[in-house]
C-alpha atoms as a PDB file:
ATOM      1  CA  UNK A   1     -18.407   8.915  -4.099  1.00  0.00           C
ATOM      2  CA  UNK A   2     -21.196  11.501  -3.034  1.00  0.00           C
ATOM      3  CA  UNK A   3     -23.593   8.555  -3.127  1.00  0.00           C
ATOM      4  CA  UNK A   4     -22.330   6.289  -0.708  1.00  0.00           C
ATOM      5  CA  UNK A   5     -23.736   4.628   1.889  1.00  0.00           C
ATOM      6  CA  UNK A   6     -21.724   5.283   4.797  1.00  0.00           C
ATOM      7  CA  UNK A   7     -21.681   3.770   8.643  1.00  0.00           C
ATOM      8  CA  UNK A   8     -18.791   3.755  11.083  1.00  0.00           C
ATOM      9  CA  UNK A   9     -16.253   1.257  10.898  1.00  0.00           C
ATOM     10  CA  UNK A  10     -14.309   2.234  13.957  1.00  0.00           C
ATOM     11  CA  UNK A  11     -17.580   0.891  15.884  1.00  0.00           C
ATOM     12  CA  UNK A  12     -19.499  -0.748  13.833  1.00  0.00           C
ATOM     13  CA  UNK A  13     -19.535  -1.479  10.203  1.00  0.00           C
ATOM     14  CA  UNK A  14     -19.364   0.928   7.078  1.00  0.00           C
ATOM     15  CA  UNK A  15     -21.535  -0.268   4.571  1.00  0.00           C
ATOM     16  CA  UNK A  16     -19.617   0.271   1.309  1.00  0.00           C
ATOM     17  CA  UNK A  17     -16.579  -0.281   3.014  1.00  0.00           C
ATOM     18  CA  UNK A  18     -17.673  -3.801   4.151  1.00  0.00           C
ATOM     19  CA  UNK A  19     -18.838  -4.722   0.152  1.00  0.00           C
ATOM     20  CA  UNK A  20     -15.794  -3.628  -0.469  1.00  0.00           C
ATOM     21  CA  UNK A  21     -13.431  -5.476   2.001  1.00  0.00           C
ATOM     22  CA  UNK A  22     -15.592  -8.563   1.325  1.00  0.00           C
ATOM     23  CA  UNK A  23     -15.166  -8.325  -2.690  1.00  0.00           C
ATOM     24  CA  UNK A  24     -11.386  -7.671  -2.171  1.00  0.00           C
ATOM     25  CA  UNK A  25     -11.173 -10.924  -0.469  1.00  0.00           C
ATOM     26  CA  UNK A  26     -12.823 -12.801  -2.578  1.00  0.00           C
ATOM     27  CA  UNK A  27     -10.940 -11.975  -5.930  1.00  0.00           C
ATOM     28  CA  UNK A  28      -7.923 -12.641  -3.637  1.00  0.00           C
ATOM     29  CA  UNK A  29      -8.745 -16.054  -2.651  1.00  0.00           C
ATOM     30  CA  UNK A  30      -8.503 -15.410   0.972  1.00  0.00           C
ATOM     31  CA  UNK A  31     -10.811 -15.770   4.101  1.00  0.00           C
ATOM     32  CA  UNK A  32     -11.008 -11.754   4.689  1.00  0.00           C
ATOM     33  CA  UNK A  33      -9.744  -8.089   3.789  1.00  0.00           C
ATOM     34  CA  UNK A  34      -9.330  -5.153   5.659  1.00  0.00           C
ATOM     35  CA  UNK A  35      -8.810  -1.688   4.384  1.00  0.00           C
ATOM     36  CA  UNK A  36      -6.218   0.559   5.277  1.00  0.00           C
ATOM     37  CA  UNK A  37      -5.192   4.357   3.911  1.00  0.00           C
ATOM     38  CA  UNK A  38      -1.858   3.863   2.501  1.00  0.00           C
ATOM     39  CA  UNK A  39       0.365   0.403   1.157  1.00  0.00           C
ATOM     40  CA  UNK A  40       2.625   1.346   3.617  1.00  0.00           C
ATOM     41  CA  UNK A  41       0.263   0.723   7.081  1.00  0.00           C
ATOM     42  CA  UNK A  42      -0.838  -2.142   4.981  1.00  0.00           C
ATOM     43  CA  UNK A  43       2.488  -4.000   4.696  1.00  0.00           C
ATOM     44  CA  UNK A  44       3.673  -2.783   8.246  1.00  0.00           C
ATOM     45  CA  UNK A  45       0.851  -4.270  10.237  1.00  0.00           C
ATOM     46  CA  UNK A  46       1.557  -7.257   7.895  1.00  0.00           C
ATOM     47  CA  UNK A  47       4.806  -7.848   8.898  1.00  0.00           C
ATOM     48  CA  UNK A  48       3.913  -7.215  12.863  1.00  0.00           C
ATOM     49  CA  UNK A  49       1.499 -10.046  12.292  1.00  0.00           C
ATOM     50  CA  UNK A  50       3.267 -12.227  11.215  1.00  0.00           C
ATOM     51  CA  UNK A  51       6.685 -11.483  13.358  1.00  0.00           C
ATOM     52  CA  UNK A  52       7.222 -10.743  16.876  1.00  0.00           C
ATOM     53  CA  UNK A  53       9.457  -8.044  18.182  1.00  0.00           C
ATOM     54  CA  UNK A  54      12.873  -9.028  17.567  1.00  0.00           C
ATOM     55  CA  UNK A  55      12.449 -11.654  14.606  1.00  0.00           C
ATOM     56  CA  UNK A  56      13.848 -10.961  10.905  1.00  0.00           C
ATOM     57  CA  UNK A  57      11.924 -11.201   7.751  1.00  0.00           C
ATOM     58  CA  UNK A  58      13.836 -11.953   4.125  1.00  0.00           C
ATOM     59  CA  UNK A  59      13.161  -9.129   1.519  1.00  0.00           C
ATOM     60  CA  UNK A  60      14.534  -8.319  -1.415  1.00  0.00           C
ATOM     61  CA  UNK A  61      17.013  -5.568  -1.566  1.00  0.00           C
ATOM     62  CA  UNK A  62      15.274  -3.015  -4.057  1.00  0.00           C
ATOM     63  CA  UNK A  63      11.442  -4.068  -2.418  1.00  0.00           C
ATOM     64  CA  UNK A  64       9.403  -1.173  -1.395  1.00  0.00           C
ATOM     65  CA  UNK A  65       9.220  -2.606   1.940  1.00  0.00           C
ATOM     66  CA  UNK A  66      12.797  -1.820   2.511  1.00  0.00           C
ATOM     67  CA  UNK A  67      13.335   1.165   0.657  1.00  0.00           C
ATOM     68  CA  UNK A  68      10.376   3.330   0.793  1.00  0.00           C
ATOM     69  CA  UNK A  69       8.482   2.750   4.069  1.00  0.00           C
ATOM     70  CA  UNK A  70      11.394   4.988   6.506  1.00  0.00           C
ATOM     71  CA  UNK A  71      12.519   1.133   8.484  1.00  0.00           C
ATOM     72  CA  UNK A  72       9.154   1.042   9.851  1.00  0.00           C
ATOM     73  CA  UNK A  73       9.320  -1.996  10.881  1.00  0.00           C
ATOM     74  CA  UNK A  74      12.262  -1.398  13.136  1.00  0.00           C
ATOM     75  CA  UNK A  75      10.786   1.674  14.446  1.00  0.00           C
ATOM     76  CA  UNK A  76       7.052   0.379  14.701  1.00  0.00           C
ATOM     77  CA  UNK A  77       7.244  -2.982  15.544  1.00  0.00           C
ATOM     78  CA  UNK A  78      11.026  -4.123  16.522  1.00  0.00           C
ATOM     79  CA  UNK A  79      11.923  -6.601  13.694  1.00  0.00           C
ATOM     80  CA  UNK A  80      15.372  -6.926  11.591  1.00  0.00           C
ATOM     81  CA  UNK A  81      15.442  -6.958   7.750  1.00  0.00           C
ATOM     82  CA  UNK A  82      17.697  -9.192   5.867  1.00  0.00           C
ATOM     83  CA  UNK A  83      18.098  -8.216   2.104  1.00  0.00           C
ATOM     84  CA  UNK A  84      18.560 -10.679  -0.585  1.00  0.00           C
ATOM     85  CA  UNK A  85      19.781  -9.018  -4.059  1.00  0.00           C
ATOM     86  CA  UNK A  86      17.274 -10.408  -6.944  1.00  0.00           C
ATOM     87  CA  UNK A  87      16.732  -9.322 -10.691  1.00  0.00           C
ATOM     88  CA  UNK A  88      14.623  -6.830 -11.410  1.00  0.00           C
ATOM     89  CA  UNK A  89      13.392  -7.871  -7.908  1.00  0.00           C
ATOM     90  CA  UNK A  90      12.812 -11.461  -8.844  1.00  0.00           C
ATOM     91  CA  UNK A  91      14.325 -13.744  -5.901  1.00  0.00           C
ATOM     92  CA  UNK A  92      14.989 -17.604  -6.467  1.00  0.00           C
ATOM     93  CA  UNK A  93      15.670 -20.195  -4.650  1.00  0.00           C
ATOM     94  CA  UNK A  94      19.078 -20.385  -5.207  1.00  0.00           C
ATOM     95  CA  UNK A  95      19.311 -16.866  -4.147  1.00  0.00           C
ATOM     96  CA  UNK A  96      17.465 -17.554  -0.760  1.00  0.00           C
ATOM     97  CA  UNK A  97      19.570 -20.684  -0.094  1.00  0.00           C
ATOM     98  CA  UNK A  98      20.827 -20.349   3.465  1.00  0.00           C
ATOM     99  CA  UNK A  99      19.354 -17.129   3.970  1.00  0.00           C
ATOM    100  CA  UNK A 100      17.006 -19.040   7.076  1.00  0.00           C
ATOM    101  CA  UNK A 101      19.132 -18.933  10.337  1.00  0.00           C
ATOM    102  CA  UNK A 102      19.386 -21.788  12.718  1.00  0.00           C
ATOM    103  CA  UNK A 103      17.638 -21.854  15.909  1.00  0.00           C
ATOM    104  CA  UNK A 104      20.003 -20.120  18.223  1.00  0.00           C
ATOM    105  CA  UNK A 105      20.171 -18.273  21.315  1.00  0.00           C
ATOM    106  CA  UNK A 106      22.335 -15.550  19.818  1.00  0.00           C
ATOM    107  CA  UNK A 107      20.300 -14.899  16.590  1.00  0.00           C
ATOM    108  CA  UNK A 108      17.656 -13.286  15.015  1.00  0.00           C
ATOM    109  CA  UNK A 109      14.936 -16.035  13.931  1.00  0.00           C
ATOM    110  CA  UNK A 110      13.676 -15.827  10.799  1.00  0.00           C
ATOM    111  CA  UNK A 111      10.018 -15.439  10.322  1.00  0.00           C
ATOM    112  CA  UNK A 112       8.919 -14.084   7.254  1.00  0.00           C
ATOM    113  CA  UNK A 113       9.806 -13.976   3.201  1.00  0.00           C
ATOM    114  CA  UNK A 114       8.234 -11.118   1.353  1.00  0.00           C
ATOM    115  CA  UNK A 115       7.709 -10.220  -2.205  1.00  0.00           C
ATOM    116  CA  UNK A 116       6.853  -7.510  -4.495  1.00  0.00           C
ATOM    117  CA  UNK A 117       4.617  -8.066  -7.618  1.00  0.00           C
ATOM    118  CA  UNK A 118       4.631  -6.453  -9.939  1.00  0.00           C
ATOM    119  CA  UNK A 119       8.513  -4.375  -8.564  1.00  0.00           C
ATOM    120  CA  UNK A 120       8.438  -0.714  -7.945  1.00  0.00           C
ATOM    121  CA  UNK A 121      12.065  -0.357  -8.786  1.00  0.00           C
ATOM    122  CA  UNK A 122      12.835  -3.370 -11.118  1.00  0.00           C
ATOM    123  CA  UNK A 123      10.466  -1.013 -13.391  1.00  0.00           C
ATOM    124  CA  UNK A 124       7.589  -2.960 -13.231  1.00  0.00           C
ATOM    125  CA  UNK A 125       8.691  -6.494 -13.246  1.00  0.00           C
ATOM    126  CA  UNK A 126       6.207  -9.474 -12.737  1.00  0.00           C
ATOM    127  CA  UNK A 127       7.412 -12.002 -10.640  1.00  0.00           C
ATOM    128  CA  UNK A 128       6.993 -15.054 -12.634  1.00  0.00           C
ATOM    129  CA  UNK A 129       4.863 -17.080 -10.773  1.00  0.00           C
ATOM    130  CA  UNK A 130       6.421 -20.338 -11.186  1.00  0.00           C
ATOM    131  CA  UNK A 131       9.394 -19.104  -9.841  1.00  0.00           C
ATOM    132  CA  UNK A 132       7.258 -17.160  -6.872  1.00  0.00           C
ATOM    133  CA  UNK A 133       5.386 -20.812  -6.159  1.00  0.00           C
ATOM    134  CA  UNK A 134       9.074 -22.646  -5.573  1.00  0.00           C
ATOM    135  CA  UNK A 135       9.960 -20.146  -2.807  1.00  0.00           C
ATOM    136  CA  UNK A 136       6.852 -19.550  -1.134  1.00  0.00           C
ATOM    137  CA  UNK A 137       6.643 -23.468  -1.027  1.00  0.00           C
ATOM    138  CA  UNK A 138      10.092 -23.564   0.393  1.00  0.00           C
ATOM    139  CA  UNK A 139       9.456 -20.579   2.578  1.00  0.00           C
ATOM    140  CA  UNK A 140       6.593 -22.605   4.366  1.00  0.00           C
ATOM    141  CA  UNK A 141       8.718 -25.440   4.033  1.00  0.00           C
ATOM    142  CA  UNK A 142      11.707 -23.695   6.534  1.00  0.00           C
ATOM    143  CA  UNK A 143       8.802 -22.388   8.466  1.00  0.00           C
ATOM    144  CA  UNK A 144       8.365 -18.859   7.093  1.00  0.00           C
ATOM    145  CA  UNK A 145       4.895 -17.258   6.248  1.00  0.00           C
ATOM    146  CA  UNK A 146       4.687 -15.405   2.915  1.00  0.00           C
ATOM    147  CA  UNK A 147       3.604 -12.102   2.753  1.00  0.00           C
ATOM    148  CA  UNK A 148       3.237  -9.849  -0.767  1.00  0.00           C
ATOM    149  CA  UNK A 149       3.382  -6.501  -1.605  1.00  0.00           C
ATOM    150  CA  UNK A 150       1.137  -6.730  -4.691  1.00  0.00           C
ATOM    151  CA  UNK A 151       0.394  -2.994  -5.144  1.00  0.00           C
ATOM    152  CA  UNK A 152       0.456  -3.205  -8.344  1.00  0.00           C
ATOM    153  CA  UNK A 153      -0.779  -7.145  -8.805  1.00  0.00           C
ATOM    154  CA  UNK A 154      -3.540  -5.654 -10.903  1.00  0.00           C
ATOM    155  CA  UNK A 155      -1.263  -4.689 -13.336  1.00  0.00           C
ATOM    156  CA  UNK A 156       0.138  -8.141 -13.196  1.00  0.00           C
ATOM    157  CA  UNK A 157      -2.865 -10.054 -13.499  1.00  0.00           C
ATOM    158  CA  UNK A 158      -3.546  -7.919 -16.484  1.00  0.00           C
ATOM    159  CA  UNK A 159       0.168  -8.247 -18.632  1.00  0.00           C
ATOM    160  CA  UNK A 160      -0.172 -12.533 -17.384  1.00  0.00           C
ATOM    161  CA  UNK A 161      -3.628 -13.402 -17.678  1.00  0.00           C
ATOM    162  CA  UNK A 162      -3.358 -15.226 -14.628  1.00  0.00           C
ATOM    163  CA  UNK A 163      -6.276 -14.421 -12.159  1.00  0.00           C
ATOM    164  CA  UNK A 164      -5.214 -12.092  -9.014  1.00  0.00           C
ATOM    165  CA  UNK A 165      -6.544 -15.112  -7.408  1.00  0.00           C
ATOM    166  CA  UNK A 166      -4.038 -17.427  -8.413  1.00  0.00           C
ATOM    167  CA  UNK A 167      -1.450 -14.570  -8.211  1.00  0.00           C
ATOM    168  CA  UNK A 168      -1.744 -14.625  -4.440  1.00  0.00           C
ATOM    169  CA  UNK A 169      -2.752 -18.109  -3.549  1.00  0.00           C
ATOM    170  CA  UNK A 170       1.098 -18.888  -2.334  1.00  0.00           C
ATOM    171  CA  UNK A 171       0.866 -16.186   0.281  1.00  0.00           C
ATOM    172  CA  UNK A 172      -0.419 -16.106   3.520  1.00  0.00           C
ATOM    173  CA  UNK A 173      -1.242 -12.171   3.297  1.00  0.00           C
ATOM    174  CA  UNK A 174      -1.308  -9.805   0.778  1.00  0.00           C
ATOM    175  CA  UNK A 175      -1.741  -5.972  -0.114  1.00  0.00           C
ATOM    176  CA  UNK A 176      -3.552  -4.837  -3.028  1.00  0.00           C
ATOM    177  CA  UNK A 177      -3.709  -1.261  -3.875  1.00  0.00           C
ATOM    178  CA  UNK A 178      -6.544   0.976  -4.982  1.00  0.00           C
ATOM    179  CA  UNK A 179      -4.722   4.082  -6.260  1.00  0.00           C
ATOM    180  CA  UNK A 180      -1.930   3.476  -8.518  1.00  0.00           C
ATOM    181  CA  UNK A 181      -3.653   2.399 -11.549  1.00  0.00           C
ATOM    182  CA  UNK A 182      -6.623   1.757 -10.648  1.00  0.00           C
ATOM    183  CA  UNK A 183      -7.614   5.818 -10.243  1.00  0.00           C
ATOM    184  CA  UNK A 184      -8.803   5.853  -6.647  1.00  0.00           C
ATOM    185  CA  UNK A 185      -7.991   8.702  -4.614  1.00  0.00           C
ATOM    186  CA  UNK A 186      -6.104   6.861  -1.375  1.00  0.00           C
ATOM    187  CA  UNK A 187      -6.776   3.512   0.169  1.00  0.00           C
ATOM    188  CA  UNK A 188      -5.230  -0.307   0.091  1.00  0.00           C
ATOM    189  CA  UNK A 189      -6.395  -3.812   1.768  1.00  0.00           C
ATOM    190  CA  UNK A 190      -5.033  -6.687   3.639  1.00  0.00           C
ATOM    191  CA  UNK A 191      -6.032  -9.771   2.693  1.00  0.00           C
ATOM    192  CA  UNK A 192      -5.329 -13.137   4.693  1.00  0.00           C
ATOM    193  CA  UNK A 193      -6.937 -15.496   7.518  1.00  0.00           C
ATOM    194  CA  UNK A 194      -9.861 -14.336   9.463  1.00  0.00           C
ATOM    195  CA  UNK A 195      -7.578 -14.533  12.690  1.00  0.00           C
ATOM    196  CA  UNK A 196      -4.767 -12.280  10.716  1.00  0.00           C
ATOM    197  CA  UNK A 197      -7.385  -9.899  10.262  1.00  0.00           C
ATOM    198  CA  UNK A 198      -8.562  -9.800  13.385  1.00  0.00           C
ATOM    199  CA  UNK A 199      -4.582  -8.810  14.484  1.00  0.00           C
ATOM    200  CA  UNK A 200      -4.220  -6.561  11.588  1.00  0.00           C
ATOM    201  CA  UNK A 201      -7.465  -4.522  12.488  1.00  0.00           C
ATOM    202  CA  UNK A 202      -6.607  -4.393  16.202  1.00  0.00           C
ATOM    203  CA  UNK A 203      -2.472  -3.110  15.154  1.00  0.00           C
ATOM    204  CA  UNK A 204      -4.254  -0.164  12.257  1.00  0.00           C
ATOM    205  CA  UNK A 205      -6.091   1.072  15.184  1.00  0.00           C
ATOM    206  CA  UNK A 206      -2.724   1.579  17.368  1.00  0.00           C
ATOM    207  CA  UNK A 207      -1.394   2.967  14.084  1.00  0.00           C
ATOM    208  CA  UNK A 208      -4.333   5.322  13.982  1.00  0.00           C
ATOM    209  CA  UNK A 209      -5.176   3.673  10.250  1.00  0.00           C
ATOM    210  CA  UNK A 210      -9.165   3.552  11.688  1.00  0.00           C
ATOM    211  CA  UNK A 211     -11.499   5.446   9.758  1.00  0.00           C
ATOM    212  CA  UNK A 212     -14.967   6.193  10.771  1.00  0.00           C
ATOM    213  CA  UNK A 213     -17.455   7.011   7.562  1.00  0.00           C
ATOM    214  CA  UNK A 214     -14.970   5.127   5.472  1.00  0.00           C
ATOM    215  CA  UNK A 215     -17.371   4.516   2.756  1.00  0.00           C
ATOM    216  CA  UNK A 216     -16.746   7.975   0.703  1.00  0.00           C
ATOM    217  CA  UNK A 217     -13.292   6.270  -0.369  1.00  0.00           C
ATOM    218  CA  UNK A 218     -14.693   2.706   0.095  1.00  0.00           C
ATOM    219  CA  UNK A 219     -16.687   3.727  -3.027  1.00  0.00           C
ATOM    220  CA  UNK A 220     -14.162   4.915  -5.347  1.00  0.00           C
ATOM    221  CA  UNK A 221     -12.203   1.471  -4.878  1.00  0.00           C
ATOM    222  CA  UNK A 222     -15.505   0.007  -5.591  1.00  0.00           C
ATOM    223  CA  UNK A 223     -15.939   1.716  -9.027  1.00  0.00           C
ATOM    224  CA  UNK A 224     -12.337   1.030  -9.222  1.00  0.00           C
ATOM    225  CA  UNK A 225     -12.706  -3.216  -9.472  1.00  0.00           C
ATOM    226  CA  UNK A 226     -15.352  -2.520 -11.389  1.00  0.00           C
ATOM    227  CA  UNK A 227     -13.908  -0.003 -14.537  1.00  0.00           C
ATOM    228  CA  UNK A 228     -10.248   0.483 -14.145  1.00  0.00           C
ATOM    229  CA  UNK A 229      -8.252  -3.045 -14.156  1.00  0.00           C
ATOM    230  CA  UNK A 230      -8.898  -4.135 -17.904  1.00  0.00           C
ATOM    231  CA  UNK A 231      -7.874  -1.011 -19.384  1.00  0.00           C
ATOM    232  CA  UNK A 232      -4.801  -1.303 -17.453  1.00  0.00           C
ATOM    233  CA  UNK A 233      -3.272  -2.407 -20.691  1.00  0.00           C
ATOM    234  CA  UNK A 234      -3.779   0.627 -22.170  1.00  0.00           C
ATOM    235  CA  UNK A 235      -0.805   1.912 -19.613  1.00  0.00           C
ATOM    236  CA  UNK A 236       1.153  -1.385 -20.451  1.00  0.00           C
ATOM    237  CA  UNK A 237       0.882  -0.213 -24.065  1.00  0.00           C
ATOM    238  CA  UNK A 238       2.520   3.184 -23.528  1.00  0.00           C
ATOM    239  CA  UNK A 239       4.860   2.027 -21.469  1.00  0.00           C
ATOM    240  CA  UNK A 240       5.967  -0.032 -24.001  1.00  0.00           C
ATOM    241  CA  UNK A 241       5.876   3.651 -26.793  1.00  0.00           C
ATOM    242  CA  UNK A 242       7.967   5.804 -23.648  1.00  0.00           C
ATOM    243  CA  UNK A 243      10.780   2.741 -23.694  1.00  0.00           C
ATOM    244  CA  UNK A 244      10.730   2.500 -27.679  1.00  0.00           C
ATOM    245  CA  UNK A 245      11.649   6.532 -27.511  1.00  0.00           C
ATOM    246  CA  UNK A 246      14.115   6.160 -25.739  1.00  0.00           C
ATOM    247  CA  UNK A 247      15.312   2.821 -27.674  1.00  0.00           C
ATOM    248  CA  UNK A 248      16.586   5.419 -29.885  1.00  0.00           C
ATOM    249  CA  UNK A 249      19.581   6.647 -28.612  1.00  0.00           C
ATOM    250  CA  UNK A 250      21.938   4.368 -27.575  1.00  0.00           C
ATOM    251  CA  UNK A 251      23.218   6.092 -24.133  1.00  0.00           C
ATOM    252  CA  UNK A 252      19.573   5.862 -22.947  1.00  0.00           C
ATOM    253  CA  UNK A 253      19.765   1.701 -21.452  1.00  0.00           C
ATOM    254  CA  UNK A 254      16.128   0.427 -20.885  1.00  0.00           C
ATOM    255  CA  UNK A 255      15.685  -1.509 -17.676  1.00  0.00           C
ATOM    256  CA  UNK A 256      15.162  -5.211 -19.017  1.00  0.00           C
ATOM    257  CA  UNK A 257      14.193  -6.065 -22.529  1.00  0.00           C
ATOM    258  CA  UNK A 258      11.007  -3.945 -22.252  1.00  0.00           C
ATOM    259  CA  UNK A 259       8.635  -2.759 -20.177  1.00  0.00           C
ATOM    260  CA  UNK A 260       6.427  -5.831 -18.809  1.00  0.00           C
ATOM    261  CA  UNK A 261       3.745  -3.250 -16.952  1.00  0.00           C
ATOM    262  CA  UNK A 262       3.147   0.352 -16.531  1.00  0.00           C
ATOM    263  CA  UNK A 263       6.782   1.533 -14.856  1.00  0.00           C
ATOM    264  CA  UNK A 264       9.404   2.513 -17.601  1.00  0.00           C
ATOM    265  CA  UNK A 265      13.138   2.700 -16.138  1.00  0.00           C
ATOM    266  CA  UNK A 266      16.139   3.813 -18.397  1.00  0.00           C
ATOM    267  CA  UNK A 267      19.592   5.046 -17.475  1.00  0.00           C
ATOM    268  CA  UNK A 268      21.296   7.922 -18.945  1.00  0.00           C
ATOM    269  CA  UNK A 269      24.684   7.142 -20.031  1.00  0.00           C
ATOM    270  CA  UNK A 270      27.167   9.543 -18.244  1.00  0.00           C
ATOM    271  CA  UNK A 271      28.504  10.664 -21.562  1.00  0.00           C
ATOM    272  CA  UNK A 272      25.049  12.800 -21.777  1.00  0.00           C
ATOM    273  CA  UNK A 273      24.785  13.999 -18.159  1.00  0.00           C
ATOM    274  CA  UNK A 274      22.927  13.187 -15.008  1.00  0.00           C
ATOM    275  CA  UNK A 275      19.254  12.241 -14.868  1.00  0.00           C
ATOM    276  CA  UNK A 276      18.222  14.896 -12.538  1.00  0.00           C
ATOM    277  CA  UNK A 277      19.698  17.137 -16.221  1.00  0.00           C
ATOM    278  CA  UNK A 278      17.537  15.070 -18.081  1.00  0.00           C
ATOM    279  CA  UNK A 279      14.649  15.555 -15.701  1.00  0.00           C
ATOM    280  CA  UNK A 280      14.801  18.882 -16.124  1.00  0.00           C
ATOM    281  CA  UNK A 281      15.061  19.368 -19.350  1.00  0.00           C
ATOM    282  CA  UNK A 282      11.923  17.240 -19.657  1.00  0.00           C
ATOM    283  CA  UNK A 283      10.023  19.681 -17.592  1.00  0.00           C
ATOM    284  CA  UNK A 284      10.523  22.407 -19.798  1.00  0.00           C
ATOM    285  CA  UNK A 285       8.620  20.465 -22.730  1.00  0.00           C
ATOM    286  CA  UNK A 286       5.764  19.606 -20.130  1.00  0.00           C
ATOM    287  CA  UNK A 287       6.705  16.228 -19.203  1.00  0.00           C
ATOM    288  CA  UNK A 288       7.368  15.695 -15.170  1.00  0.00           C
ATOM    289  CA  UNK A 289       9.642  12.827 -14.719  1.00  0.00           C
ATOM    290  CA  UNK A 290      11.822  11.261 -11.489  1.00  0.00           C
ATOM    291  CA  UNK A 291      15.213  10.894 -11.454  1.00  0.00           C
ATOM    292  CA  UNK A 292      15.175   7.840  -9.718  1.00  0.00           C
ATOM    293  CA  UNK A 293      18.929   8.032  -9.156  1.00  0.00           C
ATOM    294  CA  UNK A 294      22.024  10.108 -10.499  1.00  0.00           C
ATOM    295  CA  UNK A 295      21.652   8.165 -13.537  1.00  0.00           C
ATOM    296  CA  UNK A 296      18.206   6.543 -13.461  1.00  0.00           C
ATOM    297  CA  UNK A 297      14.743   7.903 -14.688  1.00  0.00           C
ATOM    298  CA  UNK A 298      11.793   6.704 -13.790  1.00  0.00           C
ATOM    299  CA  UNK A 299       8.564   7.160 -15.715  1.00  0.00           C
ATOM    300  CA  UNK A 300       5.088   5.249 -14.720  1.00  0.00           C
ATOM    301  CA  UNK A 301       1.974   5.923 -17.578  1.00  0.00           C
ATOM    302  CA  UNK A 302      -1.728   5.289 -15.605  1.00  0.00           C
ATOM    303  CA  UNK A 303      -5.009   6.476 -16.288  1.00  0.00           C
ATOM    304  CA  UNK A 304      -4.914  10.526 -16.375  1.00  0.00           C
ATOM    305  CA  UNK A 305      -2.383  10.438 -19.192  1.00  0.00           C
ATOM    306  CA  UNK A 306      -4.072   9.733 -22.726  1.00  0.00           C
ATOM    307  CA  UNK A 307      -2.499   8.580 -25.533  1.00  0.00           C
ATOM    308  CA  UNK A 308      -1.824  11.516 -26.942  1.00  0.00           C
ATOM    309  CA  UNK A 309      -0.093  12.963 -24.409  1.00  0.00           C
ATOM    310  CA  UNK A 310       2.431   9.916 -24.516  1.00  0.00           C
ATOM    311  CA  UNK A 311       2.956  11.004 -27.999  1.00  0.00           C
ATOM    312  CA  UNK A 312       4.049  13.972 -26.930  1.00  0.00           C
ATOM    313  CA  UNK A 313       6.503  12.749 -24.021  1.00  0.00           C
ATOM    314  CA  UNK A 314       7.829  10.180 -26.622  1.00  0.00           C
ATOM    315  CA  UNK A 315       8.870  13.148 -28.853  1.00  0.00           C
ATOM    316  CA  UNK A 316      10.034  15.279 -25.939  1.00  0.00           C
ATOM    317  CA  UNK A 317      12.587  12.250 -24.960  1.00  0.00           C
ATOM    318  CA  UNK A 318      13.581  12.279 -28.355  1.00  0.00           C
ATOM    319  CA  UNK A 319      14.016  16.299 -27.947  1.00  0.00           C
ATOM    320  CA  UNK A 320      16.256  16.409 -24.816  1.00  0.00           C
ATOM    321  CA  UNK A 321      18.282  13.604 -25.480  1.00  0.00           C
ATOM    322  CA  UNK A 322      18.784  15.033 -29.154  1.00  0.00           C
ATOM    323  CA  UNK A 323      20.621  17.644 -27.094  1.00  0.00           C
END
């Protein structure tokens, strides 16, 4: 970051950022990409570019765009969300049947389908690629655009062996994050057509996301792409170890068969107590986790958590559960 060659990305070109954007577009198989401070911004600008005020988009009821972005689609772009309950964030053709509204002056117009891969609230669930291709084909045949919140798309790629380019192929736009498991301090990219990215750049200015000597953070993202993608497999192994510790107790219920990537969610039975109490007891033993709901704990593995620390966390789970 210290050695990064910088320019002015607001009025001209930052050469390091230019390399990152071109590389991201190439990795995802898209024409162009644009860097923004956060995945929330890339998602919200994608919605704004694909839709007009009063339009509706379809999404899973547990997705990040709907639950963790303050309803920004309504506040900033005048959009409506139609939520559909999937299974661990996975939507099928049956789930989407009849979801597109007919053209009628009394109704909003359905414009966009959004998916999330991997799925945060789905315990890091990877979207099955065959189903992704089916639902995106259905969306396009129904006159909809498609957007992928791929904040952890590199985790999905490492877990499945499918390239990020193939995972992104069914979508008109894709957002990827360079922090999360990749370890950069900040930043996401939105990729799509040249026309879409041009509109996104205008919206980024409106949302206050233009940055000048941004090469200092773009260089960290480039480093992450060079050094931190393949090692995501270590995080996936670590999440499975945490799940094994939780499964030793019948009152801790792990979501799904086992973690597919780097997120573990397990439910705490009322026989033991609340998730918040469980989290508090873990913190007393030096392990910080998130009480994801009154009954759910979320643990996320990443490159700053060593194997020895994972083993200590496993022992802390056993100790607390044993209470």
